[in-house]
Amino acid sequence: MSDLEKLVRRRMQEEYAKGSSAEEIVKVVRDIFNSVDLSGKWPGAVAARATTGHE
């Protein structure tokens, strides 16, 4: 399983545990994918950006 898959699964579980609606969870996942840098220059930055802003 890739780091991105692990990140998405963890965030989905966190949101589900908080009682977030399906729409809110979709928004979080969409934000993660929108923050992915496909150039591969900053792989560590993806996880850092994707885990902030939804607490």
PDB file of N, CA and C in Angstrom:
ATOM      1  N   MET A   1       0.854  -1.174   0.000  1.00  0.00           N
ATOM      2  CA  MET A   1       0.000   0.000   0.000  1.00  0.00           C
ATOM      3  C   MET A   1       0.901   1.239   0.000  1.00  0.00           C
ATOM      4  N   SER A   2       0.595   2.186  -0.853  1.00  0.00           N
ATOM      5  CA  SER A   2       1.404   3.399  -0.971  1.00  0.00           C
ATOM      6  C   SER A   2       1.156   4.338   0.214  1.00  0.00           C
ATOM      7  N   ASP A   3       2.055   5.295   0.368  1.00  0.00           N
ATOM      8  CA  ASP A   3       1.898   6.286   1.428  1.00  0.00           C
ATOM      9  C   ASP A   3       0.626   7.099   1.225  1.00  0.00           C
ATOM     10  N   LEU A   4       0.306   7.386  -0.025  1.00  0.00           N
ATOM     11  CA  LEU A   4      -0.914   8.148  -0.312  1.00  0.00           C
ATOM     12  C   LEU A   4      -2.151   7.359   0.110  1.00  0.00           C
ATOM     13  N   GLU A   5      -2.169   6.072  -0.195  1.00  0.00           N
ATOM     14  CA  GLU A   5      -3.307   5.232   0.218  1.00  0.00           C
ATOM     15  C   GLU A   5      -3.435   5.199   1.736  1.00  0.00           C
ATOM     16  N   LYS A   6      -2.310   5.078   2.422  1.00  0.00           N
ATOM     17  CA  LYS A   6      -2.328   5.065   3.886  1.00  0.00           C
ATOM     18  C   LYS A   6      -2.860   6.381   4.433  1.00  0.00           C
ATOM     19  N   LEU A   7      -2.413   7.485   3.843  1.00  0.00           N
ATOM     20  CA  LEU A   7      -2.867   8.797   4.281  1.00  0.00           C
ATOM     21  C   LEU A   7      -4.370   8.948   4.092  1.00  0.00           C
ATOM     22  N   VAL A   8      -4.862   8.574   2.921  1.00  0.00           N
ATOM     23  CA  VAL A   8      -6.292   8.695   2.633  1.00  0.00           C
ATOM     24  C   VAL A   8      -7.101   7.823   3.588  1.00  0.00           C
ATOM     25  N   ARG A   9      -6.685   6.598   3.779  1.00  0.00           N
ATOM     26  CA  ARG A   9      -7.414   5.700   4.694  1.00  0.00           C
ATOM     27  C   ARG A   9      -7.435   6.254   6.122  1.00  0.00           C
ATOM     28  N   ARG A  10      -6.284   6.757   6.580  1.00  0.00           N
ATOM     29  CA  ARG A  10      -6.213   7.294   7.943  1.00  0.00           C
ATOM     30  C   ARG A  10      -7.130   8.499   8.096  1.00  0.00           C
ATOM     31  N   ARG A  11      -7.081   9.410   7.122  1.00  0.00           N
ATOM     32  CA  ARG A  11      -7.928  10.601   7.195  1.00  0.00           C
ATOM     33  C   ARG A  11      -9.408  10.245   7.138  1.00  0.00           C
ATOM     34  N   MET A  12      -9.771   9.276   6.298  1.00  0.00           N
ATOM     35  CA  MET A  12     -11.166   8.847   6.222  1.00  0.00           C
ATOM     36  C   MET A  12     -11.614   8.264   7.561  1.00  0.00           C
ATOM     37  N   GLN A  13     -10.758   7.460   8.185  1.00  0.00           N
ATOM     38  CA  GLN A  13     -11.099   6.868   9.482  1.00  0.00           C
ATOM     39  C   GLN A  13     -11.235   7.945  10.552  1.00  0.00           C
ATOM     40  N   GLU A  14     -10.346   8.946  10.532  1.00  0.00           N
ATOM     41  CA  GLU A  14     -10.426  10.032  11.507  1.00  0.00           C
ATOM     42  C   GLU A  14     -11.732  10.805  11.349  1.00  0.00           C
ATOM     43  N   GLU A  15     -12.069  11.133  10.115  1.00  0.00           N
ATOM     44  CA  GLU A  15     -13.299  11.879   9.868  1.00  0.00           C
ATOM     45  C   GLU A  15     -14.526  11.061  10.251  1.00  0.00           C
ATOM     46  N   TYR A  16     -14.523   9.776   9.934  1.00  0.00           N
ATOM     47  CA  TYR A  16     -15.637   8.895  10.291  1.00  0.00           C
ATOM     48  C   TYR A  16     -15.792   8.835  11.814  1.00  0.00           C
ATOM     49  N   ALA A  17     -14.657   8.729  12.519  1.00  0.00           N
ATOM     50  CA  ALA A  17     -14.686   8.657  13.980  1.00  0.00           C
ATOM     51  C   ALA A  17     -15.236   9.942  14.591  1.00  0.00           C
ATOM     52  N   LYS A  18     -15.018  11.071  13.917  1.00  0.00           N
ATOM     53  CA  LYS A  18     -15.544  12.349  14.404  1.00  0.00           C
ATOM     54  C   LYS A  18     -17.028  12.499  14.098  1.00  0.00           C
ATOM     55  N   GLY A  19     -17.559  11.586  13.310  1.00  0.00           N
ATOM     56  CA  GLY A  19     -18.975  11.665  12.966  1.00  0.00           C
ATOM     57  C   GLY A  19     -19.254  12.529  11.753  1.00  0.00           C
ATOM     58  N   SER A  20     -18.242  12.763  10.935  1.00  0.00           N
ATOM     59  CA  SER A  20     -18.413  13.575   9.730  1.00  0.00           C
ATOM     60  C   SER A  20     -19.361  12.886   8.753  1.00  0.00           C
ATOM     61  N   SER A  21     -20.064  13.709   8.007  1.00  0.00           N
ATOM     62  CA  SER A  21     -20.966  13.168   6.983  1.00  0.00           C
ATOM     63  C   SER A  21     -20.149  12.652   5.807  1.00  0.00           C
ATOM     64  N   ALA A  22     -20.796  11.873   4.947  1.00  0.00           N
ATOM     65  CA  ALA A  22     -20.128  11.351   3.753  1.00  0.00           C
ATOM     66  C   ALA A  22     -19.630  12.500   2.878  1.00  0.00           C
ATOM     67  N   GLU A  23     -20.399  13.569   2.784  1.00  0.00           N
ATOM     68  CA  GLU A  23     -19.997  14.720   1.975  1.00  0.00           C
ATOM     69  C   GLU A  23     -18.740  15.371   2.530  1.00  0.00           C
ATOM     70  N   GLU A  24     -18.641  15.477   3.856  1.00  0.00           N
ATOM     71  CA  GLU A  24     -17.452  16.063   4.476  1.00  0.00           C
ATOM     72  C   GLU A  24     -16.222  15.189   4.251  1.00  0.00           C
ATOM     73  N   ILE A  25     -16.409  13.884   4.323  1.00  0.00           N
ATOM     74  CA  ILE A  25     -15.302  12.957   4.087  1.00  0.00           C
ATOM     75  C   ILE A  25     -14.835  13.050   2.638  1.00  0.00           C
ATOM     76  N   VAL A  26     -15.764  13.143   1.707  1.00  0.00           N
ATOM     77  CA  VAL A  26     -15.405  13.293   0.296  1.00  0.00           C
ATOM     78  C   VAL A  26     -14.601  14.572   0.092  1.00  0.00           C
ATOM     79  N   LYS A  27     -14.990  15.642   0.761  1.00  0.00           N
ATOM     80  CA  LYS A  27     -14.260  16.909   0.635  1.00  0.00           C
ATOM     81  C   LYS A  27     -12.829  16.755   1.133  1.00  0.00           C
ATOM     82  N   VAL A  28     -12.645  16.088   2.257  1.00  0.00           N
ATOM     83  CA  VAL A  28     -11.299  15.875   2.802  1.00  0.00           C
ATOM     84  C   VAL A  28     -10.457  15.070   1.820  1.00  0.00           C
ATOM     85  N   VAL A  29     -11.010  13.995   1.287  1.00  0.00           N
ATOM     86  CA  VAL A  29     -10.274  13.154   0.333  1.00  0.00           C
ATOM     87  C   VAL A  29      -9.956  13.949  -0.932  1.00  0.00           C
ATOM     88  N   ARG A  30     -10.911  14.722  -1.411  1.00  0.00           N
ATOM     89  CA  ARG A  30     -10.683  15.549  -2.600  1.00  0.00           C
ATOM     90  C   ARG A  30      -9.553  16.546  -2.341  1.00  0.00           C
ATOM     91  N   ASP A  31      -9.539  17.152  -1.161  1.00  0.00           N
ATOM     92  CA  ASP A  31      -8.471  18.093  -0.813  1.00  0.00           C
ATOM     93  C   ASP A  31      -7.107  17.415  -0.806  1.00  0.00           C
ATOM     94  N   ILE A  32      -7.060  16.182  -0.311  1.00  0.00           N
ATOM     95  CA  ILE A  32      -5.797  15.440  -0.310  1.00  0.00           C
ATOM     96  C   ILE A  32      -5.306  15.251  -1.732  1.00  0.00           C
ATOM     97  N   PHE A  33      -6.176  14.762  -2.610  1.00  0.00           N
ATOM     98  CA  PHE A  33      -5.767  14.516  -3.987  1.00  0.00           C
ATOM     99  C   PHE A  33      -5.419  15.808  -4.722  1.00  0.00           C
ATOM    100  N   ASN A  34      -6.105  16.888  -4.406  1.00  0.00           N
ATOM    101  CA  ASN A  34      -5.775  18.172  -5.039  1.00  0.00           C
ATOM    102  C   ASN A  34      -4.435  18.710  -4.578  1.00  0.00           C
ATOM    103  N   SER A  35      -3.947  18.264  -3.421  1.00  0.00           N
ATOM    104  CA  SER A  35      -2.676  18.754  -2.904  1.00  0.00           C
ATOM    105  C   SER A  35      -1.481  17.908  -3.344  1.00  0.00           C
ATOM    106  N   VAL A  36      -1.723  16.826  -4.068  1.00  0.00           N
ATOM    107  CA  VAL A  36      -0.645  15.931  -4.488  1.00  0.00           C
ATOM    108  C   VAL A  36       0.197  16.599  -5.563  1.00  0.00           C
ATOM    109  N   ASP A  37       1.510  16.585  -5.344  1.00  0.00           N
ATOM    110  CA  ASP A  37       2.473  17.112  -6.311  1.00  0.00           C
ATOM    111  C   ASP A  37       2.954  15.943  -7.165  1.00  0.00           C
ATOM    112  N   LEU A  38       2.459  15.852  -8.382  1.00  0.00           N
ATOM    113  CA  LEU A  38       2.779  14.726  -9.246  1.00  0.00           C
ATOM    114  C   LEU A  38       4.195  14.771  -9.803  1.00  0.00           C
ATOM    115  N   SER A  39       4.893  15.885  -9.626  1.00  0.00           N
ATOM    116  CA  SER A  39       6.261  15.986 -10.126  1.00  0.00           C
ATOM    117  C   SER A  39       7.223  15.158  -9.282  1.00  0.00           C
ATOM    118  N   GLY A  40       6.815  14.829  -8.063  1.00  0.00           N
ATOM    119  CA  GLY A  40       7.649  14.019  -7.184  1.00  0.00           C
ATOM    120  C   GLY A  40       8.777  14.781  -6.522  1.00  0.00           C
ATOM    121  N   LYS A  41       8.777  16.104  -6.651  1.00  0.00           N
ATOM    122  CA  LYS A  41       9.868  16.911  -6.084  1.00  0.00           C
ATOM    123  C   LYS A  41       9.770  17.030  -4.570  1.00  0.00           C
ATOM    124  N   TRP A  42       8.575  17.023  -4.034  1.00  0.00           N
ATOM    125  CA  TRP A  42       8.385  17.262  -2.600  1.00  0.00           C
ATOM    126  C   TRP A  42       7.462  16.214  -1.979  1.00  0.00           C
ATOM    127  N   PRO A  43       7.857  14.949  -1.968  1.00  0.00           N
ATOM    128  CA  PRO A  43       6.945  13.914  -1.467  1.00  0.00           C
ATOM    129  C   PRO A  43       6.537  14.096  -0.014  1.00  0.00           C
ATOM    130  N   GLY A  44       7.415  14.626   0.823  1.00  0.00           N
ATOM    131  CA  GLY A  44       7.070  14.823   2.226  1.00  0.00           C
ATOM    132  C   GLY A  44       6.063  15.923   2.433  1.00  0.00           C
ATOM    133  N   ALA A  45       6.030  16.883   1.521  1.00  0.00           N
ATOM    134  CA  ALA A  45       5.124  18.015   1.671  1.00  0.00           C
ATOM    135  C   ALA A  45       3.678  17.612   1.454  1.00  0.00           C
ATOM    136  N   VAL A  46       3.435  16.574   0.683  1.00  0.00           N
ATOM    137  CA  VAL A  46       2.068  16.129   0.407  1.00  0.00           C
ATOM    138  C   VAL A  46       1.368  15.750   1.695  1.00  0.00           C
ATOM    139  N   ALA A  47       2.002  14.907   2.489  1.00  0.00           N
ATOM    140  CA  ALA A  47       1.390  14.462   3.742  1.00  0.00           C
ATOM    141  C   ALA A  47       1.190  15.615   4.699  1.00  0.00           C
ATOM    142  N   ALA A  48       2.138  16.521   4.761  1.00  0.00           N
ATOM    143  CA  ALA A  48       2.022  17.656   5.675  1.00  0.00           C
ATOM    144  C   ALA A  48       0.861  18.557   5.284  1.00  0.00           C
ATOM    145  N   ARG A  49       0.712  18.855   4.000  1.00  0.00           N
ATOM    146  CA  ARG A  49      -0.385  19.714   3.554  1.00  0.00           C
ATOM    147  C   ARG A  49      -1.714  19.013   3.697  1.00  0.00           C
ATOM    148  N   ALA A  50      -1.756  17.742   3.426  1.00  0.00           N
ATOM    149  CA  ALA A  50      -3.004  17.015   3.419  1.00  0.00           C
ATOM    150  C   ALA A  50      -3.564  16.779   4.814  1.00  0.00           C
ATOM    151  N   THR A  51      -2.740  16.868   5.833  1.00  0.00           N
ATOM    152  CA  THR A  51      -3.218  16.583   7.181  1.00  0.00           C
ATOM    153  C   THR A  51      -3.610  17.834   7.939  1.00  0.00           C
ATOM    154  N   THR A  52      -3.476  19.003   7.340  1.00  0.00           N
ATOM    155  CA  THR A  52      -3.821  20.245   8.038  1.00  0.00           C
ATOM    156  C   THR A  52      -5.108  20.829   7.496  1.00  0.00           C
ATOM    157  N   GLY A  53      -5.729  21.668   8.305  1.00  0.00           N
ATOM    158  CA  GLY A  53      -6.875  22.422   7.837  1.00  0.00           C
ATOM    159  C   GLY A  53      -8.232  21.791   8.055  1.00  0.00           C
ATOM    160  N   HIS A  54      -8.305  20.590   8.558  1.00  0.00           N
ATOM    161  CA  HIS A  54      -9.615  19.947   8.750  1.00  0.00           C
ATOM    162  C   HIS A  54      -9.805  19.489  10.177  1.00  0.00           C
ATOM    163  N   GLU A  55      -9.040  20.024  11.097  1.00  0.00           N
ATOM    164  CA  GLU A  55      -9.159  19.618  12.496  1.00  0.00           C
ATOM    165  C   GLU A  55     -10.288  20.360  13.150  1.00  0.00           C
TER     166      GLU A  55
END
